[in-house]
Amino acid sequence: MANSNGLVNWYALHTRPRNEKKVTERLAEQGFEVFCPLIKTLRQWSDRKRKVQVPMFPSYIFCRITEKDRNRLLQDPGVMNFVFWLGKPAVVREEEIAAIKKISEIGEEVRVASERLKKGKQVKISEGPFKGLTGKVDKIDNRKVIVWIEQLGCMVRFKYKTEMAEKSREL
């Protein structure tokens, strides 16, 4: 899809730790289309608990650019490098960005069922941003489930509540 003819593609950028929001802001000010997906999570300090927005992918953001603009992004002090695949900057497909945006719009951690989930089982997600997608349970660990969702071509980690067990079903 992308080439040196000026077509724009989404690329994943690796940022310095905890610089995702700052880099996104600086690149947007320079006129780039930048996307830093955020989710709300509960954080606990010694004296309180609070919901805060954190990057969905720590140390990574997405930028939609032409191939000739790649070097301009690397001039930002918070950008470490592009994410590479097979020796070239990895192009992120529009469908993948759309799926990530859908999750980010909800803004909460994704929740699925737990009681009947077993490694290797096919499951259908019945609510949330992945509603209707099917996947294979890869790992279950301490209230977290990792599911391979073939339609997205990636693994997704879910947090879950046991009272939601009726809302997701095994295939």
N, C-alpha and C. Protein backbone atom coordinates (compact mmCIF):
# COMPACT_ATOMS: atom_id res chain seq x y z
N MET A 1 0.82 -1.19 0.00
CA MET A 1 0.00 0.00 0.00
C MET A 1 0.87 1.25 0.00
N ALA A 2 1.83 1.36 0.91
CA ALA A 2 2.66 2.55 0.96
C ALA A 2 3.84 2.41 0.02
N ASN A 3 4.23 3.50 -0.54
CA ASN A 3 5.45 3.54 -1.31
C ASN A 3 5.97 4.96 -1.30
N SER A 4 7.01 5.20 -2.05
CA SER A 4 7.61 6.53 -2.05
C SER A 4 6.85 7.53 -2.91
N ASN A 5 5.70 7.13 -3.43
CA ASN A 5 4.89 8.02 -4.26
C ASN A 5 4.03 8.98 -3.45
N GLY A 6 4.14 8.98 -2.16
CA GLY A 6 3.38 9.91 -1.35
C GLY A 6 2.12 9.34 -0.73
N LEU A 7 1.87 8.05 -0.86
CA LEU A 7 0.71 7.46 -0.19
C LEU A 7 0.95 7.44 1.30
N VAL A 8 -0.11 7.65 2.07
CA VAL A 8 0.04 7.67 3.53
C VAL A 8 -0.35 6.33 4.12
N ASN A 9 0.38 5.93 5.14
CA ASN A 9 0.12 4.70 5.88
C ASN A 9 0.30 4.97 7.36
N TRP A 10 -0.28 4.10 8.15
CA TRP A 10 -0.07 4.15 9.59
C TRP A 10 1.19 3.36 9.93
N TYR A 11 2.00 3.93 10.80
CA TYR A 11 3.21 3.27 11.29
C TYR A 11 3.18 3.29 12.81
N ALA A 12 3.77 2.27 13.42
CA ALA A 12 3.91 2.23 14.87
C ALA A 12 5.28 2.82 15.23
N LEU A 13 5.28 3.70 16.22
CA LEU A 13 6.51 4.32 16.69
C LEU A 13 6.79 3.88 18.12
N HIS A 14 8.04 3.57 18.39
CA HIS A 14 8.48 3.24 19.75
C HIS A 14 8.94 4.54 20.40
N THR A 15 8.38 4.87 21.56
CA THR A 15 8.73 6.11 22.25
C THR A 15 9.53 5.81 23.52
N ARG A 16 10.11 6.85 24.05
CA ARG A 16 10.76 6.71 25.37
C ARG A 16 9.66 6.37 26.38
N PRO A 17 10.02 5.65 27.44
CA PRO A 17 9.01 5.30 28.44
C PRO A 17 8.29 6.54 28.99
N ARG A 18 6.99 6.43 29.11
CA ARG A 18 6.11 7.48 29.65
C ARG A 18 6.15 8.78 28.86
N ASN A 19 6.46 8.69 27.59
CA ASN A 19 6.49 9.87 26.72
C ASN A 19 5.41 9.84 25.65
N GLU A 20 4.53 8.85 25.68
CA GLU A 20 3.55 8.67 24.62
C GLU A 20 2.68 9.91 24.42
N LYS A 21 2.13 10.46 25.49
CA LYS A 21 1.22 11.61 25.38
C LYS A 21 1.97 12.85 24.92
N LYS A 22 3.18 13.07 25.44
CA LYS A 22 3.97 14.24 25.06
C LYS A 22 4.37 14.18 23.58
N VAL A 23 4.82 13.02 23.14
CA VAL A 23 5.22 12.86 21.75
C VAL A 23 4.01 13.05 20.84
N THR A 24 2.88 12.49 21.21
CA THR A 24 1.65 12.65 20.43
C THR A 24 1.30 14.12 20.27
N GLU A 25 1.39 14.85 21.36
CA GLU A 25 1.06 16.28 21.33
C GLU A 25 2.04 17.06 20.44
N ARG A 26 3.33 16.80 20.59
CA ARG A 26 4.33 17.52 19.78
C ARG A 26 4.18 17.22 18.29
N LEU A 27 3.97 15.95 17.95
CA LEU A 27 3.84 15.58 16.54
C LEU A 27 2.55 16.15 15.94
N ALA A 28 1.49 16.19 16.72
CA ALA A 28 0.22 16.77 16.25
C ALA A 28 0.40 18.27 16.00
N GLU A 29 1.16 18.95 16.85
CA GLU A 29 1.43 20.37 16.65
C GLU A 29 2.20 20.61 15.36
N GLN A 30 2.99 19.63 14.93
CA GLN A 30 3.74 19.75 13.69
C GLN A 30 2.89 19.37 12.47
N GLY A 31 1.64 18.99 12.70
CA GLY A 31 0.73 18.71 11.60
C GLY A 31 0.60 17.24 11.24
N PHE A 32 1.18 16.35 12.01
CA PHE A 32 1.06 14.92 11.73
C PHE A 32 -0.23 14.37 12.31
N GLU A 33 -0.79 13.36 11.65
CA GLU A 33 -1.94 12.64 12.20
C GLU A 33 -1.39 11.55 13.12
N VAL A 34 -1.64 11.72 14.41
CA VAL A 34 -1.05 10.85 15.43
C VAL A 34 -2.16 10.26 16.27
N PHE A 35 -1.97 9.03 16.72
CA PHE A 35 -2.97 8.34 17.52
C PHE A 35 -2.28 7.62 18.68
N CYS A 36 -2.65 8.00 19.88
CA CYS A 36 -2.17 7.33 21.09
C CYS A 36 -3.40 6.79 21.82
N PRO A 37 -3.71 5.50 21.62
CA PRO A 37 -4.92 4.95 22.27
C PRO A 37 -4.76 4.90 23.79
N LEU A 38 -5.79 5.38 24.47
CA LEU A 38 -5.78 5.42 25.94
C LEU A 38 -6.90 4.58 26.49
N ILE A 39 -6.67 4.00 27.66
CA ILE A 39 -7.71 3.28 28.40
C ILE A 39 -7.69 3.75 29.84
N LYS A 40 -8.81 3.61 30.51
CA LYS A 40 -8.89 3.95 31.93
C LYS A 40 -8.57 2.71 32.73
N THR A 41 -7.78 2.88 33.77
CA THR A 41 -7.46 1.78 34.65
C THR A 41 -7.42 2.29 36.08
N LEU A 42 -7.67 1.43 37.02
CA LEU A 42 -7.66 1.79 38.42
C LEU A 42 -6.24 1.68 38.94
N ARG A 43 -5.70 2.77 39.45
CA ARG A 43 -4.36 2.79 40.04
C ARG A 43 -4.49 3.02 41.53
N GLN A 44 -3.62 2.37 42.28
CA GLN A 44 -3.67 2.50 43.72
C GLN A 44 -2.37 3.08 44.23
N TRP A 45 -2.50 4.10 45.06
CA TRP A 45 -1.38 4.68 45.77
C TRP A 45 -1.53 4.31 47.24
N SER A 46 -0.61 4.70 48.07
CA SER A 46 -0.68 4.31 49.47
C SER A 46 -1.90 4.90 50.18
N ASP A 47 -2.40 6.04 49.72
CA ASP A 47 -3.50 6.70 50.40
C ASP A 47 -4.82 6.75 49.62
N ARG A 48 -4.81 6.30 48.36
CA ARG A 48 -6.06 6.40 47.57
C ARG A 48 -6.01 5.51 46.34
N LYS A 49 -7.20 5.33 45.75
CA LYS A 49 -7.34 4.66 44.47
C LYS A 49 -7.97 5.67 43.52
N ARG A 50 -7.55 5.59 42.26
CA ARG A 50 -8.10 6.54 41.29
C ARG A 50 -8.04 5.94 39.90
N LYS A 51 -9.07 6.25 39.08
CA LYS A 51 -9.05 5.83 37.68
C LYS A 51 -8.24 6.86 36.90
N VAL A 52 -7.28 6.37 36.14
CA VAL A 52 -6.43 7.25 35.34
C VAL A 52 -6.40 6.73 33.91
N GLN A 53 -6.14 7.64 32.96
CA GLN A 53 -5.99 7.24 31.57
C GLN A 53 -4.53 6.93 31.30
N VAL A 54 -4.29 5.74 30.78
CA VAL A 54 -2.94 5.31 30.46
C VAL A 54 -2.91 4.81 29.02
N PRO A 55 -1.75 4.85 28.39
CA PRO A 55 -1.67 4.33 27.03
C PRO A 55 -2.00 2.84 26.98
N MET A 56 -2.75 2.46 25.96
CA MET A 56 -3.11 1.06 25.77
C MET A 56 -1.86 0.24 25.47
N PHE A 57 -0.92 0.84 24.74
CA PHE A 57 0.34 0.19 24.40
C PHE A 57 1.47 1.04 24.95
N PRO A 58 1.96 0.72 26.16
CA PRO A 58 3.03 1.53 26.75
C PRO A 58 4.24 1.63 25.81
N SER A 59 4.72 2.85 25.64
CA SER A 59 5.88 3.19 24.82
C SER A 59 5.64 3.06 23.31
N TYR A 60 4.37 3.05 22.88
CA TYR A 60 4.07 2.98 21.46
C TYR A 60 2.94 3.94 21.10
N ILE A 61 3.08 4.58 19.93
CA ILE A 61 2.02 5.41 19.36
C ILE A 61 1.94 5.08 17.87
N PHE A 62 0.92 5.60 17.21
CA PHE A 62 0.74 5.37 15.79
C PHE A 62 0.72 6.72 15.08
N CYS A 63 1.31 6.76 13.90
CA CYS A 63 1.34 7.99 13.12
C CYS A 63 1.07 7.67 11.66
N ARG A 64 0.23 8.49 11.04
CA ARG A 64 -0.13 8.30 9.63
C ARG A 64 0.67 9.30 8.80
N ILE A 65 1.61 8.77 8.02
CA ILE A 65 2.54 9.63 7.29
C ILE A 65 2.87 9.03 5.92
N THR A 66 3.54 9.84 5.12
CA THR A 66 4.11 9.34 3.87
C THR A 66 5.51 8.83 4.18
N GLU A 67 6.02 8.01 3.30
CA GLU A 67 7.34 7.43 3.50
C GLU A 67 8.41 8.53 3.61
N LYS A 68 8.26 9.61 2.86
CA LYS A 68 9.27 10.66 2.88
C LYS A 68 9.29 11.44 4.20
N ASP A 69 8.22 11.38 4.98
CA ASP A 69 8.16 12.09 6.27
C ASP A 69 8.74 11.28 7.43
N ARG A 70 9.16 10.06 7.17
CA ARG A 70 9.63 9.19 8.26
C ARG A 70 10.78 9.80 9.06
N ASN A 71 11.76 10.36 8.37
CA ASN A 71 12.92 10.91 9.08
C ASN A 71 12.57 12.11 9.95
N ARG A 72 11.55 12.88 9.56
CA ARG A 72 11.12 14.03 10.38
C ARG A 72 10.63 13.58 11.75
N LEU A 73 9.96 12.43 11.80
CA LEU A 73 9.45 11.94 13.08
C LEU A 73 10.59 11.56 14.03
N LEU A 74 11.66 11.04 13.48
CA LEU A 74 12.78 10.59 14.31
C LEU A 74 13.54 11.75 14.94
N GLN A 75 13.25 12.97 14.51
CA GLN A 75 13.90 14.14 15.09
C GLN A 75 13.31 14.51 16.44
N ASP A 76 12.12 14.01 16.74
CA ASP A 76 11.51 14.30 18.04
C ASP A 76 12.29 13.57 19.12
N PRO A 77 12.64 14.26 20.21
CA PRO A 77 13.46 13.62 21.26
C PRO A 77 12.78 12.44 21.97
N GLY A 78 11.46 12.35 21.89
CA GLY A 78 10.76 11.25 22.55
C GLY A 78 10.58 10.02 21.69
N VAL A 79 10.88 10.13 20.40
CA VAL A 79 10.72 8.99 19.49
C VAL A 79 12.02 8.21 19.45
N MET A 80 11.94 6.93 19.76
CA MET A 80 13.12 6.06 19.73
C MET A 80 13.37 5.55 18.30
N ASN A 81 12.32 4.99 17.70
CA ASN A 81 12.44 4.43 16.36
C ASN A 81 11.08 3.94 15.89
N PHE A 82 11.03 3.51 14.67
CA PHE A 82 9.84 2.85 14.14
C PHE A 82 9.87 1.40 14.60
N VAL A 83 8.71 0.76 14.63
CA VAL A 83 8.64 -0.67 14.84
C VAL A 83 8.92 -1.31 13.48
N PHE A 84 9.86 -2.24 13.44
CA PHE A 84 10.26 -2.85 12.18
C PHE A 84 9.72 -4.27 12.05
N TRP A 85 9.42 -4.65 10.82
CA TRP A 85 8.99 -6.00 10.49
C TRP A 85 9.70 -6.38 9.19
N LEU A 86 10.48 -7.46 9.25
CA LEU A 86 11.24 -7.93 8.10
C LEU A 86 12.16 -6.85 7.53
N GLY A 87 12.78 -6.09 8.42
CA GLY A 87 13.77 -5.09 8.02
C GLY A 87 13.22 -3.76 7.54
N LYS A 88 11.89 -3.59 7.56
CA LYS A 88 11.27 -2.35 7.12
C LYS A 88 10.33 -1.85 8.21
N PRO A 89 10.09 -0.52 8.25
CA PRO A 89 9.10 -0.03 9.21
C PRO A 89 7.75 -0.72 8.96
N ALA A 90 7.18 -1.24 10.01
CA ALA A 90 5.93 -1.99 9.89
C ALA A 90 4.76 -1.06 9.58
N VAL A 91 4.02 -1.39 8.55
CA VAL A 91 2.81 -0.66 8.19
C VAL A 91 1.66 -1.29 8.95
N VAL A 92 0.88 -0.45 9.63
CA VAL A 92 -0.29 -0.92 10.37
C VAL A 92 -1.50 -0.69 9.48
N ARG A 93 -2.26 -1.75 9.24
CA ARG A 93 -3.42 -1.66 8.34
C ARG A 93 -4.52 -0.77 8.94
N GLU A 94 -5.28 -0.15 8.05
CA GLU A 94 -6.40 0.71 8.46
C GLU A 94 -7.39 -0.05 9.36
N GLU A 95 -7.64 -1.34 9.03
CA GLU A 95 -8.59 -2.14 9.82
C GLU A 95 -8.10 -2.32 11.25
N GLU A 96 -6.79 -2.48 11.41
CA GLU A 96 -6.23 -2.64 12.75
C GLU A 96 -6.34 -1.35 13.54
N ILE A 97 -6.07 -0.22 12.90
CA ILE A 97 -6.21 1.08 13.56
C ILE A 97 -7.68 1.30 13.94
N ALA A 98 -8.60 0.95 13.05
CA ALA A 98 -10.03 1.11 13.34
C ALA A 98 -10.43 0.26 14.54
N ALA A 99 -9.92 -0.97 14.62
CA ALA A 99 -10.24 -1.83 15.77
C ALA A 99 -9.67 -1.25 17.06
N ILE A 100 -8.46 -0.73 17.01
CA ILE A 100 -7.85 -0.13 18.20
C ILE A 100 -8.62 1.12 18.61
N LYS A 101 -9.03 1.92 17.63
CA LYS A 101 -9.82 3.12 17.94
C LYS A 101 -11.15 2.75 18.59
N LYS A 102 -11.75 1.68 18.13
CA LYS A 102 -13.03 1.22 18.69
C LYS A 102 -12.85 0.86 20.17
N ILE A 103 -11.78 0.16 20.47
CA ILE A 103 -11.49 -0.20 21.86
C ILE A 103 -11.21 1.04 22.68
N SER A 104 -10.41 1.94 22.13
CA SER A 104 -10.02 3.15 22.82
C SER A 104 -11.22 4.06 23.12
N GLU A 105 -12.20 4.10 22.22
CA GLU A 105 -13.39 4.92 22.42
C GLU A 105 -14.16 4.49 23.66
N ILE A 106 -14.20 3.20 23.89
CA ILE A 106 -14.87 2.70 25.09
C ILE A 106 -14.08 3.13 26.31
N GLY A 107 -12.75 3.10 26.18
CA GLY A 107 -11.89 3.66 27.22
C GLY A 107 -11.68 2.83 28.45
N GLU A 108 -12.42 1.77 28.62
CA GLU A 108 -12.28 0.93 29.79
C GLU A 108 -11.55 -0.34 29.41
N GLU A 109 -11.03 -1.02 30.42
CA GLU A 109 -10.43 -2.32 30.15
C GLU A 109 -11.53 -3.27 29.70
N VAL A 110 -11.24 -4.11 28.75
CA VAL A 110 -12.21 -5.05 28.21
C VAL A 110 -12.47 -6.14 29.23
N ARG A 111 -13.72 -6.53 29.37
CA ARG A 111 -14.08 -7.55 30.35
C ARG A 111 -14.78 -8.70 29.63
N VAL A 112 -14.38 -9.93 29.98
CA VAL A 112 -15.03 -11.12 29.44
C VAL A 112 -15.26 -12.12 30.56
N ALA A 113 -15.88 -13.23 30.23
CA ALA A 113 -16.21 -14.26 31.22
C ALA A 113 -14.98 -15.05 31.63
N SER A 114 -15.13 -15.80 32.75
CA SER A 114 -13.99 -16.56 33.22
C SER A 114 -14.28 -18.02 33.53
N GLU A 115 -15.45 -18.32 34.04
CA GLU A 115 -15.68 -19.63 34.61
C GLU A 115 -15.46 -20.79 33.64
N ARG A 116 -15.88 -20.63 32.40
CA ARG A 116 -15.79 -21.74 31.46
C ARG A 116 -14.62 -21.62 30.50
N LEU A 117 -13.79 -20.64 30.68
CA LEU A 117 -12.67 -20.47 29.77
C LEU A 117 -11.55 -21.44 30.11
N LYS A 118 -11.06 -22.12 29.09
CA LYS A 118 -9.94 -23.05 29.24
C LYS A 118 -9.00 -22.84 28.07
N LYS A 119 -7.73 -23.07 28.32
CA LYS A 119 -6.73 -22.90 27.27
C LYS A 119 -7.09 -23.78 26.06
N GLY A 120 -6.99 -23.18 24.86
CA GLY A 120 -7.26 -23.90 23.64
C GLY A 120 -8.72 -23.86 23.18
N LYS A 121 -9.62 -23.37 24.02
CA LYS A 121 -11.05 -23.31 23.67
C LYS A 121 -11.34 -22.13 22.77
N GLN A 122 -12.25 -22.34 21.83
CA GLN A 122 -12.75 -21.25 20.99
C GLN A 122 -13.84 -20.53 21.77
N VAL A 123 -13.78 -19.20 21.79
CA VAL A 123 -14.79 -18.41 22.49
C VAL A 123 -15.33 -17.33 21.56
N LYS A 124 -16.54 -16.92 21.82
CA LYS A 124 -17.14 -15.80 21.10
C LYS A 124 -17.36 -14.68 22.11
N ILE A 125 -16.87 -13.51 21.79
CA ILE A 125 -17.01 -12.36 22.67
C ILE A 125 -18.42 -11.80 22.48
N SER A 126 -19.13 -11.63 23.60
CA SER A 126 -20.53 -11.24 23.50
C SER A 126 -20.80 -9.79 23.86
N GLU A 127 -19.80 -9.05 24.32
CA GLU A 127 -20.02 -7.64 24.60
C GLU A 127 -18.71 -6.88 24.50
N GLY A 128 -18.81 -5.56 24.50
CA GLY A 128 -17.62 -4.73 24.41
C GLY A 128 -17.18 -4.51 22.98
N PRO A 129 -16.00 -3.94 22.79
CA PRO A 129 -15.55 -3.57 21.45
C PRO A 129 -15.28 -4.75 20.54
N PHE A 130 -15.09 -5.95 21.10
CA PHE A 130 -14.84 -7.13 20.30
C PHE A 130 -16.08 -7.98 20.10
N LYS A 131 -17.25 -7.43 20.42
CA LYS A 131 -18.49 -8.18 20.33
C LYS A 131 -18.62 -8.82 18.95
N GLY A 132 -18.92 -10.12 18.98
CA GLY A 132 -19.12 -10.87 17.74
C GLY A 132 -17.87 -11.54 17.20
N LEU A 133 -16.70 -11.15 17.68
CA LEU A 133 -15.47 -11.78 17.21
C LEU A 133 -15.23 -13.09 17.95
N THR A 134 -14.59 -14.01 17.28
CA THR A 134 -14.25 -15.27 17.93
C THR A 134 -12.74 -15.34 18.09
N GLY A 135 -12.32 -16.11 19.06
CA GLY A 135 -10.90 -16.26 19.31
C GLY A 135 -10.61 -17.54 20.05
N LYS A 136 -9.33 -17.82 20.19
CA LYS A 136 -8.89 -19.02 20.88
C LYS A 136 -8.16 -18.60 22.15
N VAL A 137 -8.57 -19.17 23.29
CA VAL A 137 -7.93 -18.85 24.56
C VAL A 137 -6.51 -19.39 24.54
N ASP A 138 -5.55 -18.49 24.74
CA ASP A 138 -4.14 -18.87 24.74
C ASP A 138 -3.61 -19.06 26.15
N LYS A 139 -4.06 -18.21 27.08
CA LYS A 139 -3.53 -18.28 28.44
C LYS A 139 -4.53 -17.66 29.40
N ILE A 140 -4.65 -18.24 30.59
CA ILE A 140 -5.46 -17.68 31.66
C ILE A 140 -4.55 -17.56 32.86
N ASP A 141 -4.46 -16.34 33.41
CA ASP A 141 -3.53 -16.11 34.50
C ASP A 141 -4.04 -15.00 35.40
N ASN A 142 -4.38 -15.34 36.63
CA ASN A 142 -4.72 -14.36 37.66
C ASN A 142 -5.68 -13.28 37.16
N ARG A 143 -6.87 -13.69 36.78
CA ARG A 143 -7.94 -12.79 36.33
C ARG A 143 -7.62 -12.08 35.02
N LYS A 144 -6.70 -12.61 34.24
CA LYS A 144 -6.40 -12.09 32.92
C LYS A 144 -6.48 -13.23 31.93
N VAL A 145 -7.00 -12.95 30.76
CA VAL A 145 -7.11 -13.95 29.71
C VAL A 145 -6.45 -13.38 28.46
N ILE A 146 -5.64 -14.19 27.82
CA ILE A 146 -5.07 -13.79 26.53
C ILE A 146 -5.74 -14.63 25.47
N VAL A 147 -6.36 -13.94 24.51
CA VAL A 147 -7.14 -14.59 23.46
C VAL A 147 -6.54 -14.20 22.11
N TRP A 148 -6.33 -15.21 21.25
CA TRP A 148 -5.89 -14.94 19.88
C TRP A 148 -7.13 -14.67 19.06
N ILE A 149 -7.24 -13.45 18.53
CA ILE A 149 -8.38 -13.07 17.69
C ILE A 149 -7.88 -13.00 16.26
N GLU A 150 -8.23 -14.02 15.49
CA GLU A 150 -7.70 -14.14 14.14
C GLU A 150 -8.13 -13.00 13.23
N GLN A 151 -9.36 -12.50 13.41
CA GLN A 151 -9.84 -11.42 12.55
C GLN A 151 -8.96 -10.18 12.67
N LEU A 152 -8.37 -9.96 13.86
CA LEU A 152 -7.49 -8.82 14.06
C LEU A 152 -6.03 -9.18 13.82
N GLY A 153 -5.74 -10.47 13.79
CA GLY A 153 -4.37 -10.92 13.58
C GLY A 153 -3.48 -10.64 14.77
N CYS A 154 -4.04 -10.66 15.98
CA CYS A 154 -3.22 -10.38 17.16
C CYS A 154 -3.81 -11.04 18.40
N MET A 155 -3.01 -11.06 19.45
CA MET A 155 -3.49 -11.53 20.74
C MET A 155 -3.95 -10.32 21.54
N VAL A 156 -5.00 -10.51 22.31
CA VAL A 156 -5.55 -9.44 23.12
C VAL A 156 -5.66 -9.93 24.55
N ARG A 157 -5.19 -9.11 25.48
CA ARG A 157 -5.30 -9.47 26.89
C ARG A 157 -6.56 -8.83 27.46
N PHE A 158 -7.35 -9.63 28.14
CA PHE A 158 -8.58 -9.17 28.75
C PHE A 158 -8.48 -9.29 30.26
N LYS A 159 -9.12 -8.37 30.96
CA LYS A 159 -9.40 -8.58 32.38
C LYS A 159 -10.85 -8.99 32.44
N TYR A 160 -11.21 -9.79 33.42
CA TYR A 160 -12.57 -10.30 33.43
C TYR A 160 -13.14 -10.33 34.84
N LYS A 161 -14.47 -10.41 34.89
CA LYS A 161 -15.21 -10.55 36.14
C LYS A 161 -15.98 -11.86 36.08
N THR A 162 -16.03 -12.60 37.17
CA THR A 162 -16.72 -13.89 37.15
C THR A 162 -18.23 -13.72 36.98
N GLU A 163 -18.80 -12.60 37.40
CA GLU A 163 -20.25 -12.43 37.23
C GLU A 163 -20.64 -12.22 35.78
N MET A 164 -19.68 -12.04 34.91
CA MET A 164 -19.98 -11.87 33.50
C MET A 164 -19.88 -13.20 32.75
N ALA A 165 -19.76 -14.29 33.47
CA ALA A 165 -19.57 -15.60 32.84
C ALA A 165 -20.70 -15.97 31.89
N GLU A 166 -21.89 -15.50 32.16
CA GLU A 166 -23.01 -15.85 31.29
C GLU A 166 -22.99 -15.07 29.97
N LYS A 167 -22.24 -13.98 29.91
CA LYS A 167 -22.28 -13.11 28.75
C LYS A 167 -21.36 -13.53 27.62
N SER A 168 -20.38 -14.37 27.90
CA SER A 168 -19.54 -14.92 26.84
C SER A 168 -19.78 -16.41 26.83
N ARG A 169 -19.75 -17.00 25.66
CA ARG A 169 -20.03 -18.42 25.62
C ARG A 169 -18.95 -19.14 24.80
N GLU A 170 -18.72 -20.37 25.17
CA GLU A 170 -17.79 -21.18 24.40
C GLU A 170 -18.47 -21.65 23.13
N LEU A 171 -17.68 -21.82 22.08
CA LEU A 171 -18.24 -22.33 20.83
C LEU A 171 -18.14 -23.84 20.81
